[in-house]
Amino acid sequence: MTNDVIRLLGKKNLFIQGDDAVVYGALIADCRFFAGYPITPATEVAEGMALWMPRLGGVYVQMEDEIASIAAVIGASCTGVKSMTATSGPGFSLMQECIGYSCMAEIPCVIVNVQRGGPSTGQPTEAAQGDVMQAMWGTHGDHQIIALAPKSVQETLDLTIEAFNLSEDYRVPVILLLDAEIGHMREKVVLPEIINVKVDDRVPATIGPDKYRPYRTGFTRTSKVPEFAPFGSGYRTYVTGLTHDKRGFPVTTSAEVHEELVRRLVEKVQDDMDIIWYHEDSFLEDAEIIVVSYGTTARPAVSAVKMARKNGIKVGHIRLITIWPFHYEKMKEVLKNAHTVIVPEMNLGQMVHPIREAVGKNTKVISAPKIGGAIHTPYDILKFIEGDKN
């Protein structure tokens, strides 16, 4: 199907906005179900999926709200179909209970959050990065999700494909954290060569229906991720948000069953941190000051670091691509030689907290916030770099 999609999209080089890149990435990843509710600045994702799903034999449903949207996505995924929804802050808040259900029932799905200014209705047309903590901690209970943050339109397409791969591999909800700036920014995008596209599918059940248990691991491979039998395939499955045993049956009063289940849900992701945690770094060899950024903010951050180095300041840069899970050990290692870490964000300081926890008390961590809809300029970040140096 991926081959057919790339051919159908036509031109190799495109000039599109970030929301369109989400659509193309989802199509290439073989997403064939979309349910959503229009919301600025993510509406173009829904519009694009409405255009393409019928052409590819997929299903597009405009739901009555965001709660129904994520519920429909989970239901479609239970049948084995790769499924996605797209929203912004207010809708993302409404989805939190079902995101927890997806974690507990281990149902793969992709949620695109094109962030805007909040809280509440906030600034519908302005960019922000205020949903970073909510992406990880918005739903209750111990759990683990994966969240990725692209810095460009090209990377939005690439990371949309990767979001589906990670969701299928680990059977977790994966959140793609855009913002209004990238969502509506237009840049050149090069579609991947067919031979270079990696598209993963969840591991199917390979044992007979009589012996299959939907939440038992280790049938044919060593993994904490159970094999998947889609609804309608002849296998008996039971899906619930309650604490459950390997058969899927509710067991809500056993401390042992609950601990075994929840630890596995968390560890299946955390055990592969070195594989899942994507980042870029530059100029770290002699860096005494390190700027840590992600998403749109990485663009001015790179420029600011280069400007500072021309002025003789020993400063480096780390860009987080995987926001969650946060790799505390790796961050502690890469930041150990810096006396100061500067964290520019389009919020009042959210990612700064796990960074402070990672580096400890001996390293100064400075928040460089920006809210109101405007992104940082390189000079905004340069002032923090020079201010610390002086």
Protein backbone atom coordinates (compact mmCIF):
# COMPACT_ATOMS: atom_id res chain seq x y z
CA MET A 1 0.00 0.00 0.00
CA THR A 2 2.87 2.40 0.75
CA ASN A 3 4.10 2.09 -2.84
CA ASP A 4 0.64 2.95 -4.15
CA VAL A 5 0.37 6.00 -1.88
CA ILE A 6 3.73 7.47 -2.91
CA ARG A 7 2.81 7.01 -6.56
CA LEU A 8 -0.64 8.50 -5.98
CA LEU A 9 0.80 11.58 -4.27
CA GLY A 10 2.58 12.28 -7.53
CA LYS A 11 5.31 14.90 -7.34
CA LYS A 12 8.49 14.02 -5.51
CA ASN A 13 9.08 17.58 -4.31
CA LEU A 14 6.20 19.36 -2.63
CA PHE A 15 5.66 22.80 -1.11
CA ILE A 16 3.20 22.16 1.69
CA GLN A 17 2.32 23.17 5.24
CA GLY A 18 2.93 21.08 8.33
CA ASP A 19 -0.66 19.92 8.67
CA ASP A 20 -0.52 18.58 5.11
CA ALA A 21 2.75 16.81 5.94
CA VAL A 22 0.94 14.99 8.75
CA VAL A 23 -1.61 13.76 6.23
CA TYR A 24 1.00 12.55 3.74
CA GLY A 25 3.03 10.88 6.47
CA ALA A 26 -0.06 9.09 7.78
CA LEU A 27 -0.98 7.87 4.31
CA ILE A 28 2.53 6.55 3.69
CA ALA A 29 2.43 4.79 7.08
CA ASP A 30 -0.76 2.99 5.92
CA CYS A 31 -3.19 4.84 8.20
CA ARG A 32 -6.65 3.99 6.92
CA PHE A 33 -8.94 5.40 9.61
CA PHE A 34 -9.30 8.96 10.81
CA ALA A 35 -11.86 10.33 13.24
CA GLY A 36 -11.75 13.93 14.34
CA TYR A 37 -13.49 17.17 15.10
CA PRO A 38 -12.34 20.38 13.37
CA ILE A 39 -10.31 22.68 15.60
CA THR A 40 -7.85 25.46 14.82
CA PRO A 41 -4.95 25.05 14.01
CA ALA A 42 -5.37 21.32 13.25
CA THR A 43 -8.39 21.52 10.93
CA GLU A 44 -6.28 21.09 7.79
CA VAL A 45 -5.27 17.62 8.97
CA ALA A 46 -8.92 16.59 9.07
CA GLU A 47 -9.56 18.21 5.69
CA GLY A 48 -6.66 16.34 4.13
CA MET A 49 -7.70 13.00 5.56
CA ALA A 50 -11.27 13.59 4.38
CA LEU A 51 -9.88 14.05 0.87
CA TRP A 52 -7.58 11.03 0.81
CA MET A 53 -9.27 8.33 2.88
CA PRO A 54 -12.00 7.52 0.31
CA ARG A 55 -9.40 7.38 -2.48
CA LEU A 56 -7.42 4.74 -0.60
CA GLY A 57 -10.30 2.64 0.67
CA GLY A 58 -10.01 4.10 4.14
CA VAL A 59 -12.59 5.66 6.45
CA TYR A 60 -12.97 9.29 7.50
CA VAL A 61 -15.50 10.17 10.19
CA GLN A 62 -16.20 13.67 11.49
CA MET A 63 -17.31 13.04 15.05
CA GLU A 64 -19.43 15.18 17.32
CA ASP A 65 -16.51 16.01 19.62
CA GLU A 66 -12.98 15.03 20.55
CA ILE A 67 -14.03 12.43 23.11
CA ALA A 68 -15.96 10.54 20.45
CA SER A 69 -13.05 11.00 18.03
CA ILE A 70 -10.43 9.27 20.15
CA ALA A 71 -12.92 6.58 21.16
CA ALA A 72 -13.63 5.85 17.49
CA VAL A 73 -9.90 5.73 16.74
CA ILE A 74 -9.38 3.17 19.52
CA GLY A 75 -12.29 1.08 18.26
CA ALA A 76 -10.98 1.09 14.70
CA SER A 77 -7.51 0.12 15.89
CA CYS A 78 -8.98 -2.91 17.67
CA THR A 79 -9.82 -4.28 14.22
CA GLY A 80 -6.18 -4.00 13.17
CA VAL A 81 -6.49 -0.78 11.17
CA LYS A 82 -3.89 1.94 11.74
CA SER A 83 -5.84 4.90 13.11
CA MET A 84 -5.24 8.56 13.88
CA THR A 85 -6.89 11.70 15.16
CA ALA A 86 -5.76 15.34 15.21
CA THR A 87 -6.64 18.15 17.58
CA SER A 88 -5.32 21.09 19.57
CA GLY A 89 -5.18 21.93 23.28
CA PRO A 90 -8.89 22.02 24.22
CA GLY A 91 -9.60 18.82 22.33
CA PHE A 92 -6.48 17.17 23.69
CA SER A 93 -7.77 17.83 27.21
CA LEU A 94 -11.01 16.04 26.38
CA MET A 95 -9.13 13.01 25.04
CA GLN A 96 -7.17 12.26 28.19
CA GLU A 97 -9.41 9.54 29.65
CA CYS A 98 -9.38 7.59 26.41
CA ILE A 99 -5.61 8.03 26.07
CA GLY A 100 -5.33 6.26 29.42
CA TYR A 101 -7.67 3.56 28.13
CA SER A 102 -5.40 3.10 25.10
CA CYS A 103 -2.41 2.71 27.42
CA MET A 104 -4.17 0.17 29.65
CA ALA A 105 -5.73 -1.87 26.83
CA GLU A 106 -2.54 -1.57 24.71
CA ILE A 107 -4.32 -0.32 21.61
CA PRO A 108 -2.04 1.48 19.12
CA CYS A 109 -3.08 4.92 17.88
CA VAL A 110 -1.55 8.24 16.84
CA ILE A 111 -2.74 11.58 18.25
CA VAL A 112 -1.59 14.77 16.54
CA ASN A 113 -1.69 17.85 18.77
CA VAL A 114 -1.11 21.09 16.87
CA GLN A 115 -0.56 23.23 19.95
CA ARG A 116 -2.00 26.70 20.43
CA GLY A 117 -2.04 29.24 23.23
CA GLY A 118 -3.94 28.24 26.35
CA PRO A 119 -5.33 27.54 28.85
CA SER A 120 -8.97 26.99 27.91
CA THR A 121 -9.92 28.42 24.51
CA GLY A 122 -6.85 30.63 24.68
CA GLN A 123 -5.36 31.82 21.39
CA PRO A 124 -6.79 29.60 18.64
CA THR A 125 -4.54 30.94 15.87
CA GLU A 126 -1.30 31.42 17.81
CA ALA A 127 1.51 28.94 18.44
CA ALA A 128 2.53 27.56 21.82
CA GLN A 129 4.26 24.59 23.43
CA GLY A 130 2.05 24.51 26.49
CA ASP A 131 0.89 20.89 26.22
CA VAL A 132 4.27 19.25 26.82
CA MET A 133 3.59 18.14 30.39
CA GLN A 134 0.00 17.25 29.55
CA ALA A 135 1.20 14.87 26.85
CA MET A 136 2.88 12.71 29.47
CA TRP A 137 0.88 13.34 32.61
CA GLY A 138 -2.56 14.36 31.32
CA THR A 139 -4.17 11.02 32.00
CA HIS A 140 -4.21 9.50 35.47
CA GLY A 141 -2.27 6.58 36.86
CA ASP A 142 1.17 5.16 36.13
CA HIS A 143 1.62 4.72 32.40
CA GLN A 144 4.01 5.40 29.55
CA ILE A 145 3.39 7.12 26.24
CA ILE A 146 5.71 8.30 23.47
CA ALA A 147 5.73 11.92 22.25
CA LEU A 148 7.70 13.35 19.33
CA ALA A 149 8.29 17.01 18.40
CA PRO A 150 9.27 17.98 14.83
CA LYS A 151 11.07 21.23 13.99
CA SER A 152 10.22 21.46 10.27
CA VAL A 153 7.59 20.47 7.74
CA GLN A 154 9.86 17.75 6.33
CA GLU A 155 10.42 16.31 9.76
CA THR A 156 6.70 16.46 10.45
CA LEU A 157 6.13 14.05 7.57
CA ASP A 158 9.00 11.80 8.66
CA LEU A 159 7.99 11.74 12.32
CA THR A 160 4.36 11.03 11.47
CA ILE A 161 5.55 7.81 9.83
CA GLU A 162 7.75 7.08 12.83
CA ALA A 163 4.86 7.80 15.21
CA PHE A 164 2.85 5.03 13.58
CA ASN A 165 5.84 2.68 13.67
CA LEU A 166 6.41 3.26 17.38
CA SER A 167 2.72 2.92 18.16
CA GLU A 168 2.57 -0.40 16.33
CA ASP A 169 5.83 -1.69 17.80
CA TYR A 170 4.98 -0.90 21.43
CA ARG A 171 1.17 -0.88 21.33
CA VAL A 172 0.93 2.56 22.93
CA PRO A 173 -0.61 5.89 21.98
CA VAL A 174 2.01 8.07 20.31
CA ILE A 175 1.56 11.85 20.38
CA LEU A 176 2.97 14.10 17.68
CA LEU A 177 3.49 17.54 19.23
CA LEU A 178 3.36 20.19 16.54
CA ASP A 179 2.39 23.80 17.10
CA ALA A 180 0.50 26.35 15.05
CA GLU A 181 3.76 27.70 13.62
CA ILE A 182 4.83 24.43 12.02
CA GLY A 183 1.26 23.37 11.32
CA HIS A 184 0.72 26.37 9.05
CA MET A 185 4.30 26.92 7.86
CA ARG A 186 4.99 26.06 4.23
CA GLU A 187 8.31 24.50 3.27
CA LYS A 188 9.75 22.19 0.67
CA VAL A 189 9.17 18.52 1.42
CA VAL A 190 10.78 15.62 -0.39
CA LEU A 191 8.74 12.43 -0.38
CA PRO A 192 10.82 9.42 0.63
CA GLU A 193 11.99 6.84 -1.88
CA ILE A 194 9.80 3.76 -1.71
CA ILE A 195 12.80 1.58 -0.95
CA ASN A 196 13.73 3.76 2.03
CA VAL A 197 10.34 3.80 3.75
CA LYS A 198 10.18 1.69 6.90
CA VAL A 199 6.60 0.87 7.83
CA ASP A 200 6.02 -1.36 10.86
CA ASP A 201 2.92 -3.34 11.75
CA ARG A 202 1.95 -4.68 15.16
CA VAL A 203 3.11 -8.25 15.74
CA PRO A 204 0.22 -10.58 14.83
CA ALA A 205 -0.90 -13.55 16.87
CA THR A 206 0.94 -16.64 15.67
CA ILE A 207 -0.39 -19.16 18.16
CA GLY A 208 -3.72 -20.93 17.67
CA PRO A 209 -6.96 -19.36 18.92
CA ASP A 210 -7.40 -22.08 21.53
CA LYS A 211 -4.13 -21.18 23.29
CA TYR A 212 -4.09 -17.44 22.61
CA ARG A 213 -4.28 -15.04 25.55
CA PRO A 214 -4.52 -11.37 24.49
CA TYR A 215 -2.18 -10.03 27.18
CA ARG A 216 0.26 -12.88 27.50
CA THR A 217 3.76 -12.16 26.23
CA GLY A 218 6.52 -14.46 25.03
CA PHE A 219 4.52 -16.74 22.72
CA THR A 220 7.06 -16.71 19.89
CA ARG A 221 9.52 -13.97 20.90
CA THR A 222 11.06 -12.37 23.95
CA SER A 223 9.16 -9.14 24.46
CA LYS A 224 6.96 -7.34 26.94
CA VAL A 225 4.63 -6.36 24.08
CA PRO A 226 1.86 -8.93 23.54
CA GLU A 227 0.95 -10.26 20.11
CA PHE A 228 -2.17 -8.77 18.57
CA ALA A 229 -5.27 -10.55 17.30
CA PRO A 230 -7.67 -8.09 15.63
CA PHE A 231 -11.38 -8.25 16.26
CA GLY A 232 -13.07 -10.48 13.72
CA SER A 233 -10.03 -12.67 13.10
CA GLY A 234 -11.42 -15.73 14.87
CA TYR A 235 -9.55 -15.14 18.11
CA ARG A 236 -11.33 -14.56 21.39
CA THR A 237 -10.34 -11.20 22.82
CA TYR A 238 -11.45 -9.19 25.81
CA VAL A 239 -10.58 -5.51 26.08
CA THR A 240 -11.10 -3.43 29.21
CA GLY A 241 -9.70 -0.42 30.99
CA LEU A 242 -9.92 -2.29 34.28
CA THR A 243 -6.89 -4.02 35.72
CA HIS A 244 -6.89 -7.38 33.92
CA ASP A 245 -5.09 -10.69 33.72
CA LYS A 246 -3.43 -12.24 30.67
CA ARG A 247 -6.84 -13.32 29.35
CA GLY A 248 -8.06 -9.74 29.48
CA PHE A 249 -10.52 -10.52 32.28
CA PRO A 250 -10.94 -7.88 35.03
CA VAL A 251 -9.01 -8.57 38.24
CA THR A 252 -9.35 -5.38 40.26
CA THR A 253 -8.55 -6.49 43.81
CA SER A 254 -5.23 -8.27 43.35
CA ALA A 255 -2.17 -6.18 44.15
CA GLU A 256 0.06 -8.73 42.41
CA VAL A 257 -1.89 -8.70 39.13
CA HIS A 258 -2.07 -4.91 39.10
CA GLU A 259 1.63 -4.42 39.79
CA GLU A 260 2.70 -6.99 37.20
CA LEU A 261 0.47 -5.38 34.56
CA VAL A 262 1.35 -1.74 35.18
CA ARG A 263 5.07 -2.43 35.49
CA ARG A 264 4.98 -4.23 32.13
CA LEU A 265 3.06 -1.35 30.51
CA VAL A 266 5.76 1.07 31.63
CA GLU A 267 8.79 -1.16 31.16
CA LYS A 268 7.96 -2.24 27.60
CA VAL A 269 8.75 1.36 26.58
CA GLN A 270 11.39 2.26 29.15
CA ASP A 271 13.43 -0.87 28.45
CA ASP A 272 14.00 0.42 24.91
CA MET A 273 14.82 4.01 25.84
CA ASP A 274 18.08 3.92 23.90
CA ILE A 275 16.14 2.96 20.76
CA ILE A 276 13.20 5.33 21.22
CA TRP A 277 15.04 8.46 22.40
CA TYR A 278 15.92 10.58 19.36
CA HIS A 279 17.95 13.76 19.63
CA GLU A 280 20.47 15.93 17.79
CA ASP A 281 23.44 17.75 19.26
CA SER A 282 26.10 20.16 18.05
CA PHE A 283 29.14 21.99 19.46
CA LEU A 284 29.19 19.96 22.68
CA GLU A 285 32.93 19.20 22.65
CA ASP A 286 33.94 22.42 24.42
CA ALA A 287 30.53 23.67 25.55
CA GLU A 288 30.33 25.34 28.94
CA ILE A 289 26.78 26.51 28.23
CA ILE A 290 24.25 24.22 26.52
CA VAL A 291 20.93 25.26 25.00
CA VAL A 292 18.27 22.52 25.07
CA SER A 293 15.33 23.03 22.73
CA TYR A 294 12.62 21.12 20.88
CA GLY A 295 10.07 21.69 18.13
CA THR A 296 9.79 25.12 16.54
CA THR A 297 11.99 26.69 19.20
CA ALA A 298 14.95 24.67 17.95
CA ARG A 299 15.09 26.80 14.81
CA PRO A 300 16.04 30.11 16.50
CA ALA A 301 18.04 28.20 19.13
CA VAL A 302 20.47 26.85 16.52
CA SER A 303 20.94 30.34 15.07
CA ALA A 304 21.52 31.82 18.53
CA VAL A 305 24.16 29.20 19.36
CA LYS A 306 26.03 29.88 16.11
CA MET A 307 25.92 33.64 16.74
CA ALA A 308 27.25 33.16 20.28
CA ARG A 309 30.10 30.94 19.12
CA LYS A 310 31.15 33.60 16.60
CA ASN A 311 31.41 35.92 19.59
CA GLY A 312 33.74 33.46 21.31
CA ILE A 313 31.26 31.92 23.73
CA LYS A 314 31.63 28.17 24.26
CA VAL A 315 28.02 27.12 23.84
CA GLY A 316 26.46 23.94 22.47
CA HIS A 317 23.00 22.78 21.50
CA ILE A 318 20.83 19.72 22.09
CA ARG A 319 17.52 19.26 20.30
CA LEU A 320 15.06 16.84 21.80
CA ILE A 321 13.10 14.97 19.13
CA THR A 322 11.65 12.43 21.53
CA ILE A 323 10.05 14.48 24.28
CA TRP A 324 8.65 11.50 26.18
CA PRO A 325 9.95 9.20 27.49
CA PHE A 326 12.60 11.53 28.88
CA HIS A 327 16.02 9.88 29.01
CA TYR A 328 17.33 11.11 32.36
CA GLU A 329 20.56 9.10 32.22
CA LYS A 330 21.52 10.24 28.72
CA MET A 331 20.66 13.87 29.47
CA LYS A 332 22.75 13.75 32.64
CA GLU A 333 25.65 12.40 30.59
CA VAL A 334 25.51 14.90 27.72
CA LEU A 335 25.03 17.88 30.05
CA LYS A 336 27.63 16.92 32.67
CA ASN A 337 30.37 19.30 31.47
CA ALA A 338 28.15 22.38 31.24
CA HIS A 339 27.88 24.82 34.12
CA THR A 340 24.68 26.30 32.66
CA VAL A 341 21.76 24.88 30.68
CA ILE A 342 19.33 27.26 28.94
CA VAL A 343 15.89 25.95 27.96
CA PRO A 344 13.89 28.13 25.54
CA GLU A 345 10.23 27.11 25.33
CA MET A 346 6.97 28.63 24.11
CA ASN A 347 5.55 28.25 27.59
CA LEU A 348 6.50 29.44 31.06
CA GLY A 349 8.85 26.52 31.63
CA GLN A 350 7.78 22.88 31.37
CA MET A 351 10.62 20.78 29.96
CA VAL A 352 12.93 22.71 32.25
CA HIS A 353 11.70 20.57 35.18
CA PRO A 354 12.90 17.12 34.02
CA ILE A 355 16.14 18.74 32.83
CA ARG A 356 16.74 20.15 36.32
CA GLU A 357 16.03 16.74 37.77
CA ALA A 358 18.49 15.13 35.36
CA VAL A 359 21.45 17.45 35.97
CA GLY A 360 21.10 17.93 39.72
CA LYS A 361 21.97 20.92 41.89
CA ASN A 362 25.48 21.60 40.61
CA THR A 363 24.33 22.80 37.17
CA LYS A 364 22.38 26.01 36.73
CA VAL A 365 19.26 25.50 34.59
CA ILE A 366 17.69 28.68 33.20
CA SER A 367 14.21 28.84 31.72
CA ALA A 368 13.87 31.11 28.67
CA PRO A 369 10.09 31.40 28.29
CA LYS A 370 8.03 32.95 25.49
CA ILE A 371 4.23 33.10 25.42
CA GLY A 372 1.61 35.10 23.58
CA GLY A 373 1.93 33.49 20.15
CA ALA A 374 5.28 34.81 18.93
CA ILE A 375 8.21 32.43 18.67
CA HIS A 376 11.65 33.25 20.03
CA THR A 377 14.00 35.19 17.82
CA PRO A 378 17.67 34.15 17.81
CA TYR A 379 18.41 37.39 19.65
CA ASP A 380 15.95 36.47 22.43
CA ILE A 381 17.94 33.32 23.14
CA LEU A 382 21.29 35.02 22.56
CA LYS A 383 20.49 37.45 25.38
CA PHE A 384 20.16 34.54 27.81
CA ILE A 385 23.45 33.06 26.59
CA GLU A 386 25.30 36.37 26.87
CA GLY A 387 23.58 37.20 30.14
CA ASP A 388 24.90 34.05 31.74
CA LYS A 389 28.38 34.60 30.30
CA ASN A 390 28.49 38.11 31.65
